[in-house]
PDB file of N, CA and C in Angstrom:
ATOM      1  N   MET A   1     179.746 257.485 -72.074  1.00  0.00           N
ATOM      2  CA  MET A   1     178.754 256.328 -72.320  1.00  0.00           C
ATOM      3  C   MET A   1     178.498 255.635 -71.020  1.00  0.00           C
ATOM      4  N   ASN A   2     177.243 255.436 -70.797  1.00  0.00           N
ATOM      5  CA  ASN A   2     176.806 254.790 -69.499  1.00  0.00           C
ATOM      6  C   ASN A   2     176.433 253.334 -69.804  1.00  0.00           C
ATOM      7  N   THR A   3     177.351 252.417 -69.206  1.00  0.00           N
ATOM      8  CA  THR A   3     177.104 250.960 -69.390  1.00  0.00           C
ATOM      9  C   THR A   3     176.570 250.305 -68.140  1.00  0.00           C
ATOM     10  N   MET A   4     176.143 251.073 -67.141  1.00  0.00           N
ATOM     11  CA  MET A   4     175.628 250.481 -65.943  1.00  0.00           C
ATOM     12  C   MET A   4     174.224 249.756 -66.277  1.00  0.00           C
ATOM     13  N   VAL A   5     174.162 248.527 -65.756  1.00  0.00           N
ATOM     14  CA  VAL A   5     172.884 247.746 -65.949  1.00  0.00           C
ATOM     15  C   VAL A   5     171.971 247.962 -64.752  1.00  0.00           C
ATOM     16  N   VAL A   6     170.842 248.369 -64.990  1.00  0.00           N
ATOM     17  CA  VAL A   6     169.905 248.603 -63.890  1.00  0.00           C
ATOM     18  C   VAL A   6     169.013 247.398 -63.729  1.00  0.00           C
ATOM     19  N   PRO A   7     168.956 246.817 -62.607  1.00  0.00           N
ATOM     20  CA  PRO A   7     168.064 245.596 -62.440  1.00  0.00           C
ATOM     21  C   PRO A   7     166.634 246.018 -62.547  1.00  0.00           C
ATOM     22  N   SER A   8     165.862 245.061 -62.934  1.00  0.00           N
ATOM     23  CA  SER A   8     164.405 245.300 -62.970  1.00  0.00           C
ATOM     24  C   SER A   8     163.785 245.463 -61.641  1.00  0.00           C
ATOM     25  N   GLU A   9     162.598 246.008 -61.551  1.00  0.00           N
ATOM     26  CA  GLU A   9     161.918 246.265 -60.308  1.00  0.00           C
ATOM     27  C   GLU A   9     161.700 244.867 -59.547  1.00  0.00           C
ATOM     28  N   GLY A  10     161.250 243.832 -60.331  1.00  0.00           N
ATOM     29  CA  GLY A  10     161.003 242.574 -59.783  1.00  0.00           C
ATOM     30  C   GLY A  10     162.295 241.978 -59.162  1.00  0.00           C
ATOM     31  N   TRP A  11     163.371 242.202 -59.759  1.00  0.00           N
ATOM     32  CA  TRP A  11     164.688 241.615 -59.223  1.00  0.00           C
ATOM     33  C   TRP A  11     164.961 242.235 -57.912  1.00  0.00           C
ATOM     34  N   ARG A  12     164.732 243.539 -57.702  1.00  0.00           N
ATOM     35  CA  ARG A  12     165.040 244.177 -56.518  1.00  0.00           C
ATOM     36  C   ARG A  12     164.152 243.674 -55.355  1.00  0.00           C
ATOM     37  N   THR A  13     162.893 243.519 -55.619  1.00  0.00           N
ATOM     38  CA  THR A  13     161.962 243.088 -54.557  1.00  0.00           C
ATOM     39  C   THR A  13     161.995 241.568 -54.363  1.00  0.00           C
ATOM     40  N   GLY A  14     162.613 240.846 -55.253  1.00  0.00           N
ATOM     41  CA  GLY A  14     162.724 239.408 -55.065  1.00  0.00           C
ATOM     42  C   GLY A  14     161.537 238.627 -55.684  1.00  0.00           C
ATOM     43  N   TRP A  15     160.627 239.276 -56.355  1.00  0.00           N
ATOM     44  CA  TRP A  15     159.455 238.602 -56.966  1.00  0.00           C
ATOM     45  C   TRP A  15     159.660 238.396 -58.476  1.00  0.00           C
ATOM     46  N   THR A  16     160.593 237.496 -58.792  1.00  0.00           N
ATOM     47  CA  THR A  16     160.806 237.166 -60.197  1.00  0.00           C
ATOM     48  C   THR A  16     159.791 236.137 -60.588  1.00  0.00           C
ATOM     49  N   PRO A  17     159.463 236.056 -61.881  1.00  0.00           N
ATOM     50  CA  PRO A  17     158.461 235.026 -62.333  1.00  0.00           C
ATOM     51  C   PRO A  17     158.838 233.592 -61.818  1.00  0.00           C
ATOM     52  N   ARG A  18     160.095 233.317 -61.822  1.00  0.00           N
ATOM     53  CA  ARG A  18     160.451 231.934 -61.371  1.00  0.00           C
ATOM     54  C   ARG A  18     160.179 231.817 -59.874  1.00  0.00           C
ATOM     55  N   ARG A  19     160.458 232.731 -59.111  1.00  0.00           N
ATOM     56  CA  ARG A  19     160.196 232.709 -57.679  1.00  0.00           C
ATOM     57  C   ARG A  19     158.723 232.594 -57.424  1.00  0.00           C
ATOM     58  N   LYS A  20     157.880 233.330 -58.162  1.00  0.00           N
ATOM     59  CA  LYS A  20     156.455 233.260 -58.030  1.00  0.00           C
ATOM     60  C   LYS A  20     155.942 231.773 -58.298  1.00  0.00           C
ATOM     61  N   LYS A  21     156.455 231.228 -59.402  1.00  0.00           N
ATOM     62  CA  LYS A  21     156.052 229.875 -59.725  1.00  0.00           C
ATOM     63  C   LYS A  21     156.470 228.928 -58.597  1.00  0.00           C
ATOM     64  N   ILE A  22     157.605 229.090 -58.022  1.00  0.00           N
ATOM     65  CA  ILE A  22     158.097 228.206 -56.946  1.00  0.00           C
ATOM     66  C   ILE A  22     157.112 228.342 -55.771  1.00  0.00           C
ATOM     67  N   ILE A  23     156.766 229.580 -55.409  1.00  0.00           N
ATOM     68  CA  ILE A  23     155.894 229.827 -54.225  1.00  0.00           C
ATOM     69  C   ILE A  23     154.532 229.252 -54.508  1.00  0.00           C
ATOM     70  N   VAL A  24     153.952 229.518 -55.700  1.00  0.00           N
ATOM     71  CA  VAL A  24     152.634 228.968 -56.038  1.00  0.00           C
ATOM     72  C   VAL A  24     152.686 227.434 -55.978  1.00  0.00           C
ATOM     73  N   GLY A  25     153.731 226.859 -56.578  1.00  0.00           N
ATOM     74  CA  GLY A  25     153.870 225.408 -56.575  1.00  0.00           C
ATOM     75  C   GLY A  25     153.950 224.826 -55.139  1.00  0.00           C
ATOM     76  N   ALA A  26     154.677 225.485 -54.284  1.00  0.00           N
ATOM     77  CA  ALA A  26     154.765 225.037 -52.861  1.00  0.00           C
ATOM     78  C   ALA A  26     153.433 225.178 -52.152  1.00  0.00           C
ATOM     79  N   ALA A  27     152.688 226.190 -52.513  1.00  0.00           N
ATOM     80  CA  ALA A  27     151.384 226.481 -51.806  1.00  0.00           C
ATOM     81  C   ALA A  27     150.387 225.290 -52.317  1.00  0.00           C
ATOM     82  N   VAL A  28     150.471 225.010 -53.576  1.00  0.00           N
ATOM     83  CA  VAL A  28     149.562 223.921 -54.154  1.00  0.00           C
ATOM     84  C   VAL A  28     149.957 222.597 -53.546  1.00  0.00           C
ATOM     85  N   PHE A  29     151.246 222.385 -53.392  1.00  0.00           N
ATOM     86  CA  PHE A  29     151.782 221.116 -52.756  1.00  0.00           C
ATOM     87  C   PHE A  29     151.291 220.925 -51.258  1.00  0.00           C
ATOM     88  N   VAL A  30     151.384 222.037 -50.542  1.00  0.00           N
ATOM     89  CA  VAL A  30     151.004 221.999 -49.136  1.00  0.00           C
ATOM     90  C   VAL A  30     149.441 221.785 -49.044  1.00  0.00           C
ATOM     91  N   ALA A  31     148.701 222.472 -49.954  1.00  0.00           N
ATOM     92  CA  ALA A  31     147.244 222.234 -49.960  1.00  0.00           C
ATOM     93  C   ALA A  31     146.860 220.817 -50.298  1.00  0.00           C
ATOM     94  N   ALA A  32     147.615 220.211 -51.268  1.00  0.00           N
ATOM     95  CA  ALA A  32     147.368 218.830 -51.651  1.00  0.00           C
ATOM     96  C   ALA A  32     147.667 217.911 -50.477  1.00  0.00           C
ATOM     97  N   MET A  33     148.724 218.097 -49.807  1.00  0.00           N
ATOM     98  CA  MET A  33     149.120 217.291 -48.667  1.00  0.00           C
ATOM     99  C   MET A  33     148.080 217.375 -47.541  1.00  0.00           C
ATOM    100  N   ALA A  34     147.607 218.596 -47.300  1.00  0.00           N
ATOM    101  CA  ALA A  34     146.584 218.789 -46.289  1.00  0.00           C
ATOM    102  C   ALA A  34     145.304 218.092 -46.649  1.00  0.00           C
ATOM    103  N   ALA A  35     144.907 218.169 -47.923  1.00  0.00           N
ATOM    104  CA  ALA A  35     143.636 217.459 -48.353  1.00  0.00           C
ATOM    105  C   ALA A  35     143.845 215.968 -48.234  1.00  0.00           C
ATOM    106  N   LEU A  36     145.026 215.408 -48.638  1.00  0.00           N
ATOM    107  CA  LEU A  36     145.283 214.008 -48.513  1.00  0.00           C
ATOM    108  C   LEU A  36     145.266 213.521 -47.062  1.00  0.00           C
ATOM    109  N   ARG A  37     145.824 214.359 -46.192  1.00  0.00           N
ATOM    110  CA  ARG A  37     145.855 213.965 -44.800  1.00  0.00           C
ATOM    111  C   ARG A  37     144.415 213.998 -44.221  1.00  0.00           C
ATOM    112  N   ARG A  38     143.601 214.930 -44.673  1.00  0.00           N
ATOM    113  CA  ARG A  38     142.239 215.007 -44.206  1.00  0.00           C
ATOM    114  C   ARG A  38     141.313 213.942 -44.808  1.00  0.00           C
ATOM    115  N   PHE A  39     141.389 213.726 -46.099  1.00  0.00           N
ATOM    116  CA  PHE A  39     140.459 212.860 -46.800  1.00  0.00           C
ATOM    117  C   PHE A  39     141.054 211.541 -47.198  1.00  0.00           C
ATOM    118  N   GLY A  40     142.358 211.361 -46.950  1.00  0.00           N
ATOM    119  CA  GLY A  40     142.994 210.116 -47.355  1.00  0.00           C
ATOM    120  C   GLY A  40     142.433 208.836 -46.778  1.00  0.00           C
ATOM    121  N   PRO A  41     142.243 208.792 -45.480  1.00  0.00           N
ATOM    122  CA  PRO A  41     141.658 207.564 -44.850  1.00  0.00           C
ATOM    123  C   PRO A  41     140.302 207.216 -45.413  1.00  0.00           C
ATOM    124  N   ALA A  42     139.440 208.201 -45.583  1.00  0.00           N
ATOM    125  CA  ALA A  42     138.092 208.057 -46.127  1.00  0.00           C
ATOM    126  C   ALA A  42     138.220 207.547 -47.615  1.00  0.00           C
ATOM    127  N   LEU A  43     139.120 208.034 -48.358  1.00  0.00           N
ATOM    128  CA  LEU A  43     139.301 207.572 -49.714  1.00  0.00           C
ATOM    129  C   LEU A  43     139.762 206.147 -49.739  1.00  0.00           C
ATOM    130  N   GLY A  44     140.652 205.819 -48.829  1.00  0.00           N
ATOM    131  CA  GLY A  44     141.194 204.483 -48.787  1.00  0.00           C
ATOM    132  C   GLY A  44     140.087 203.514 -48.490  1.00  0.00           C
ATOM    133  N   LYS A  45     139.266 203.808 -47.510  1.00  0.00           N
ATOM    134  CA  LYS A  45     138.118 202.959 -47.089  1.00  0.00           C
ATOM    135  C   LYS A  45     137.147 202.792 -48.303  1.00  0.00           C
ATOM    136  N   TRP A  46     136.864 203.867 -48.993  1.00  0.00           N
ATOM    137  CA  TRP A  46     135.966 203.839 -50.122  1.00  0.00           C
ATOM    138  C   TRP A  46     136.561 202.937 -51.203  1.00  0.00           C
ATOM    139  N   ALA A  47     137.881 203.076 -51.453  1.00  0.00           N
ATOM    140  CA  ALA A  47     138.493 202.249 -52.508  1.00  0.00           C
ATOM    141  C   ALA A  47     138.499 200.758 -52.145  1.00  0.00           C
ATOM    142  N   MET A  48     138.721 200.472 -50.882  1.00  0.00           N
ATOM    143  CA  MET A  48     138.682 199.112 -50.364  1.00  0.00           C
ATOM    144  C   MET A  48     137.286 198.464 -50.577  1.00  0.00           C
ATOM    145  N   ARG A  49     136.307 199.266 -50.163  1.00  0.00           N
ATOM    146  CA  ARG A  49     134.900 198.800 -50.405  1.00  0.00           C
ATOM    147  C   ARG A  49     134.634 198.461 -51.849  1.00  0.00           C
ATOM    148  N   LYS A  50     135.124 199.386 -52.779  1.00  0.00           N
ATOM    149  CA  LYS A  50     134.903 199.171 -54.181  1.00  0.00           C
ATOM    150  C   LYS A  50     135.642 197.861 -54.730  1.00  0.00           C
ATOM    151  N   CYS A  51     136.797 197.677 -54.185  1.00  0.00           N
ATOM    152  CA  CYS A  51     137.610 196.469 -54.547  1.00  0.00           C
ATOM    153  C   CYS A  51     136.880 195.186 -54.077  1.00  0.00           C
ATOM    154  N   GLU A  52     136.324 195.260 -52.891  1.00  0.00           N
ATOM    155  CA  GLU A  52     135.679 194.146 -52.300  1.00  0.00           C
ATOM    156  C   GLU A  52     134.422 193.804 -53.110  1.00  0.00           C
ATOM    157  N   GLU A  53     133.620 194.881 -53.586  1.00  0.00           N
ATOM    158  CA  GLU A  53     132.458 194.647 -54.449  1.00  0.00           C
ATOM    159  C   GLU A  53     132.925 193.996 -55.745  1.00  0.00           C
ATOM    160  N   ILE A  54     133.956 194.522 -56.335  1.00  0.00           N
ATOM    161  CA  ILE A  54     134.431 193.930 -57.635  1.00  0.00           C
ATOM    162  C   ILE A  54     134.793 192.472 -57.395  1.00  0.00           C
ATOM    163  N   PHE A  55     135.560 192.194 -56.301  1.00  0.00           N
ATOM    164  CA  PHE A  55     135.978 190.851 -55.983  1.00  0.00           C
ATOM    165  C   PHE A  55     134.765 189.894 -55.840  1.00  0.00           C
ATOM    166  N   ASP A  56     133.714 190.351 -55.065  1.00  0.00           N
ATOM    167  CA  ASP A  56     132.526 189.547 -54.883  1.00  0.00           C
ATOM    168  C   ASP A  56     131.808 189.193 -56.136  1.00  0.00           C
ATOM    169  N   HIS A  57     131.919 190.067 -57.124  1.00  0.00           N
ATOM    170  CA  HIS A  57     131.167 189.837 -58.374  1.00  0.00           C
ATOM    171  C   HIS A  57     131.932 188.966 -59.375  1.00  0.00           C
ATOM    172  N   MET A  58     133.199 188.659 -59.085  1.00  0.00           N
ATOM    173  CA  MET A  58     134.050 187.835 -59.991  1.00  0.00           C
ATOM    174  C   MET A  58     133.555 186.376 -59.923  1.00  0.00           C
ATOM    175  N   PRO A  59     133.762 185.670 -61.003  1.00  0.00           N
ATOM    176  CA  PRO A  59     133.354 184.241 -61.022  1.00  0.00           C
ATOM    177  C   PRO A  59     134.413 183.515 -60.085  1.00  0.00           C
ATOM    178  N   GLU A  60     134.016 182.356 -59.622  1.00  0.00           N
ATOM    179  CA  GLU A  60     134.820 181.553 -58.660  1.00  0.00           C
ATOM    180  C   GLU A  60     136.190 181.118 -59.207  1.00  0.00           C
ATOM    181  N   GLU A  61     136.245 180.937 -60.505  1.00  0.00           N
ATOM    182  CA  GLU A  61     137.512 180.559 -61.078  1.00  0.00           C
ATOM    183  C   GLU A  61     138.381 181.715 -61.610  1.00  0.00           C
ATOM    184  N   ALA A  62     138.056 182.913 -61.223  1.00  0.00           N
ATOM    185  CA  ALA A  62     138.844 184.101 -61.601  1.00  0.00           C
ATOM    186  C   ALA A  62     140.182 183.960 -60.909  1.00  0.00           C
ATOM    187  N   PRO A  63     141.278 184.327 -61.576  1.00  0.00           N
ATOM    188  CA  PRO A  63     142.619 184.225 -60.936  1.00  0.00           C
ATOM    189  C   PRO A  63     142.777 184.868 -59.541  1.00  0.00           C
ATOM    190  N   PRO A  64     142.182 185.987 -59.309  1.00  0.00           N
ATOM    191  CA  PRO A  64     142.377 186.557 -57.939  1.00  0.00           C
ATOM    192  C   PRO A  64     141.676 185.666 -56.796  1.00  0.00           C
ATOM    193  N   LYS A  65     140.490 185.142 -57.197  1.00  0.00           N
ATOM    194  CA  LYS A  65     139.825 184.298 -56.214  1.00  0.00           C
ATOM    195  C   LYS A  65     140.593 182.961 -56.056  1.00  0.00           C
ATOM    196  N   ARG A  66     141.091 182.402 -57.107  1.00  0.00           N
ATOM    197  CA  ARG A  66     141.909 181.190 -56.913  1.00  0.00           C
ATOM    198  C   ARG A  66     143.150 181.432 -56.120  1.00  0.00           C
ATOM    199  N   MET A  67     143.787 182.603 -56.352  1.00  0.00           N
ATOM    200  CA  MET A  67     144.987 182.959 -55.592  1.00  0.00           C
ATOM    201  C   MET A  67     144.651 183.093 -54.092  1.00  0.00           C
ATOM    202  N   MET A  68     143.532 183.697 -53.762  1.00  0.00           N
ATOM    203  CA  MET A  68     143.136 183.892 -52.400  1.00  0.00           C
ATOM    204  C   MET A  68     142.836 182.560 -51.770  1.00  0.00           C
ATOM    205  N   ARG A  69     142.208 181.615 -52.527  1.00  0.00           N
ATOM    206  CA  ARG A  69     141.906 180.300 -51.928  1.00  0.00           C
ATOM    207  C   ARG A  69     143.206 179.609 -51.707  1.00  0.00           C
ATOM    208  N   GLY A  70     144.222 179.715 -52.617  1.00  0.00           N
ATOM    209  CA  GLY A  70     145.504 179.142 -52.370  1.00  0.00           C
ATOM    210  C   GLY A  70     146.190 179.603 -51.143  1.00  0.00           C
ATOM    211  N   ILE A  71     146.071 180.921 -50.933  1.00  0.00           N
ATOM    212  CA  ILE A  71     146.709 181.549 -49.713  1.00  0.00           C
ATOM    213  C   ILE A  71     146.035 180.917 -48.471  1.00  0.00           C
ATOM    214  N   GLU A  72     144.709 180.867 -48.490  1.00  0.00           N
ATOM    215  CA  GLU A  72     143.999 180.324 -47.367  1.00  0.00           C
ATOM    216  C   GLU A  72     144.441 178.819 -47.056  1.00  0.00           C
ATOM    217  N   GLU A  73     144.574 178.090 -48.160  1.00  0.00           N
ATOM    218  CA  GLU A  73     144.995 176.696 -47.975  1.00  0.00           C
ATOM    219  C   GLU A  73     146.428 176.625 -47.371  1.00  0.00           C
ATOM    220  N   ILE A  74     147.299 177.484 -47.850  1.00  0.00           N
ATOM    221  CA  ILE A  74     148.658 177.473 -47.271  1.00  0.00           C
ATOM    222  C   ILE A  74     148.613 177.894 -45.831  1.00  0.00           C
ATOM    223  N   ARG A  75     147.818 178.876 -45.425  1.00  0.00           N
ATOM    224  CA  ARG A  75     147.717 179.224 -43.998  1.00  0.00           C
ATOM    225  C   ARG A  75     147.258 178.016 -43.197  1.00  0.00           C
ATOM    226  N   GLU A  76     146.210 177.330 -43.684  1.00  0.00           N
ATOM    227  CA  GLU A  76     145.685 176.155 -42.941  1.00  0.00           C
ATOM    228  C   GLU A  76     146.805 175.092 -42.803  1.00  0.00           C
ATOM    229  N   GLN A  77     147.606 174.871 -43.905  1.00  0.00           N
ATOM    230  CA  GLN A  77     148.681 173.856 -43.836  1.00  0.00           C
ATOM    231  C   GLN A  77     149.689 174.283 -42.840  1.00  0.00           C
ATOM    232  N   ASN A  78     150.048 175.627 -42.841  1.00  0.00           N
ATOM    233  CA  ASN A  78     151.096 176.091 -41.914  1.00  0.00           C
ATOM    234  C   ASN A  78     150.588 175.923 -40.470  1.00  0.00           C
ATOM    235  N   THR A  79     149.374 176.143 -40.217  1.00  0.00           N
ATOM    236  CA  THR A  79     148.815 175.970 -38.869  1.00  0.00           C
ATOM    237  C   THR A  79     148.861 174.504 -38.460  1.00  0.00           C
ATOM    238  N   ARG A  80     148.529 173.597 -39.292  1.00  0.00           N
ATOM    239  CA  ARG A  80     148.602 172.174 -39.004  1.00  0.00           C
ATOM    240  C   ARG A  80     150.048 171.798 -38.781  1.00  0.00           C
ATOM    241  N   ILE A  81     151.032 172.238 -39.551  1.00  0.00           N
ATOM    242  CA  ILE A  81     152.429 171.892 -39.372  1.00  0.00           C
ATOM    243  C   ILE A  81     152.922 172.503 -38.044  1.00  0.00           C
ATOM    244  N   LEU A  82     152.553 173.689 -37.712  1.00  0.00           N
ATOM    245  CA  LEU A  82     152.982 174.305 -36.442  1.00  0.00           C
ATOM    246  C   LEU A  82     152.390 173.540 -35.314  1.00  0.00           C
ATOM    247  N   HIS A  83     151.161 173.075 -35.377  1.00  0.00           N
ATOM    248  CA  HIS A  83     150.541 172.238 -34.313  1.00  0.00           C
ATOM    249  C   HIS A  83     151.350 170.908 -34.071  1.00  0.00           C
ATOM    250  N   ARG A  84     151.657 170.289 -35.272  1.00  0.00           N
ATOM    251  CA  ARG A  84     152.410 169.070 -35.180  1.00  0.00           C
ATOM    252  C   ARG A  84     153.759 169.222 -34.546  1.00  0.00           C
ATOM    253  N   LEU A  85     154.442 170.281 -34.969  1.00  0.00           N
ATOM    254  CA  LEU A  85     155.774 170.602 -34.414  1.00  0.00           C
ATOM    255  C   LEU A  85     155.691 170.836 -32.907  1.00  0.00           C
ATOM    256  N   ASP A  86     154.656 171.545 -32.515  1.00  0.00           N
ATOM    257  CA  ASP A  86     154.510 171.867 -31.085  1.00  0.00           C
ATOM    258  C   ASP A  86     154.185 170.596 -30.281  1.00  0.00           C
ATOM    259  N   GLU A  87     153.351 169.656 -30.928  1.00  0.00           N
ATOM    260  CA  GLU A  87     153.081 168.421 -30.237  1.00  0.00           C
ATOM    261  C   GLU A  87     154.348 167.524 -30.126  1.00  0.00           C
ATOM    262  N   GLU A  88     155.125 167.558 -31.198  1.00  0.00           N
ATOM    263  CA  GLU A  88     156.415 166.798 -31.150  1.00  0.00           C
ATOM    264  C   GLU A  88     157.361 167.354 -30.089  1.00  0.00           C
ATOM    265  N   ARG A  89     157.442 168.656 -30.054  1.00  0.00           N
ATOM    266  CA  ARG A  89     158.345 169.328 -29.114  1.00  0.00           C
ATOM    267  C   ARG A  89     157.900 168.974 -27.717  1.00  0.00           C
ATOM    268  N   THR A  90     156.592 169.002 -27.450  1.00  0.00           N
ATOM    269  CA  THR A  90     156.030 168.631 -26.135  1.00  0.00           C
ATOM    270  C   THR A  90     156.293 167.183 -25.775  1.00  0.00           C
ATOM    271  N   ALA A  91     156.121 166.316 -26.732  1.00  0.00           N
ATOM    272  CA  ALA A  91     156.408 164.910 -26.518  1.00  0.00           C
ATOM    273  C   ALA A  91     157.906 164.694 -26.267  1.00  0.00           C
ATOM    274  N   LEU A  92     158.740 165.276 -26.998  1.00  0.00           N
ATOM    275  CA  LEU A  92     160.211 165.115 -26.800  1.00  0.00           C
ATOM    276  C   LEU A  92     160.646 165.678 -25.396  1.00  0.00           C
ATOM    277  N   ALA A  93     160.018 166.781 -24.970  1.00  0.00           N
ATOM    278  CA  ALA A  93     160.313 167.338 -23.691  1.00  0.00           C
ATOM    279  C   ALA A  93     159.811 166.364 -22.601  1.00  0.00           C
ATOM    280  N   ALA A  94     158.667 165.749 -22.812  1.00  0.00           N
ATOM    281  CA  ALA A  94     158.144 164.813 -21.790  1.00  0.00           C
ATOM    282  C   ALA A  94     159.015 163.625 -21.750  1.00  0.00           C
ATOM    283  N   ALA A  95     159.409 163.106 -22.928  1.00  0.00           N
ATOM    284  CA  ALA A  95     160.241 161.873 -22.971  1.00  0.00           C
ATOM    285  C   ALA A  95     161.605 162.074 -22.362  1.00  0.00           C
ATOM    286  N   SER A  96     162.173 163.244 -22.532  1.00  0.00           N
ATOM    287  CA  SER A  96     163.481 163.489 -21.983  1.00  0.00           C
ATOM    288  C   SER A  96     163.430 163.852 -20.490  1.00  0.00           C
ATOM    289  N   GLY A  97     162.277 163.924 -19.952  1.00  0.00           N
ATOM    290  CA  GLY A  97     162.120 164.218 -18.557  1.00  0.00           C
ATOM    291  C   GLY A  97     162.336 165.716 -18.275  1.00  0.00           C
ATOM    292  N   GLY A  98     162.167 166.607 -19.244  1.00  0.00           N
ATOM    293  CA  GLY A  98     162.292 167.992 -19.011  1.00  0.00           C
ATOM    294  C   GLY A  98     163.680 168.455 -19.129  1.00  0.00           C
ATOM    295  N   ARG A  99     164.580 167.626 -19.537  1.00  0.00           N
ATOM    296  CA  ARG A  99     165.970 168.088 -19.726  1.00  0.00           C
ATOM    297  C   ARG A  99     166.162 168.729 -21.107  1.00  0.00           C
ATOM    298  N   GLY A 100     166.795 169.806 -21.109  1.00  0.00           N
ATOM    299  CA  GLY A 100     167.095 170.438 -22.367  1.00  0.00           C
ATOM    300  C   GLY A 100     166.183 171.537 -22.656  1.00  0.00           C
TER     301      GLY A 100
END
């Protein structure tokens, strides 16, 4: 009685269906990465332009516009505070005669 198991032809050459799927998947992944690398910046610019268009067409009281106005007001306040601190630091340095 012969109980020897003979491997299939695909097993011997290394081209099993699982291996083929892995190789095809890797090739698709590499192609997708190359396409993203090539077209990614242009797609990003296009998406930003579309977002700006949508933002421009929003009413003034839309939450995103109110949020952006709030951020701008905070930046202006921070600038004023930093100017004041700089003026106070300069005044203290002048009053102390440059010591410290």
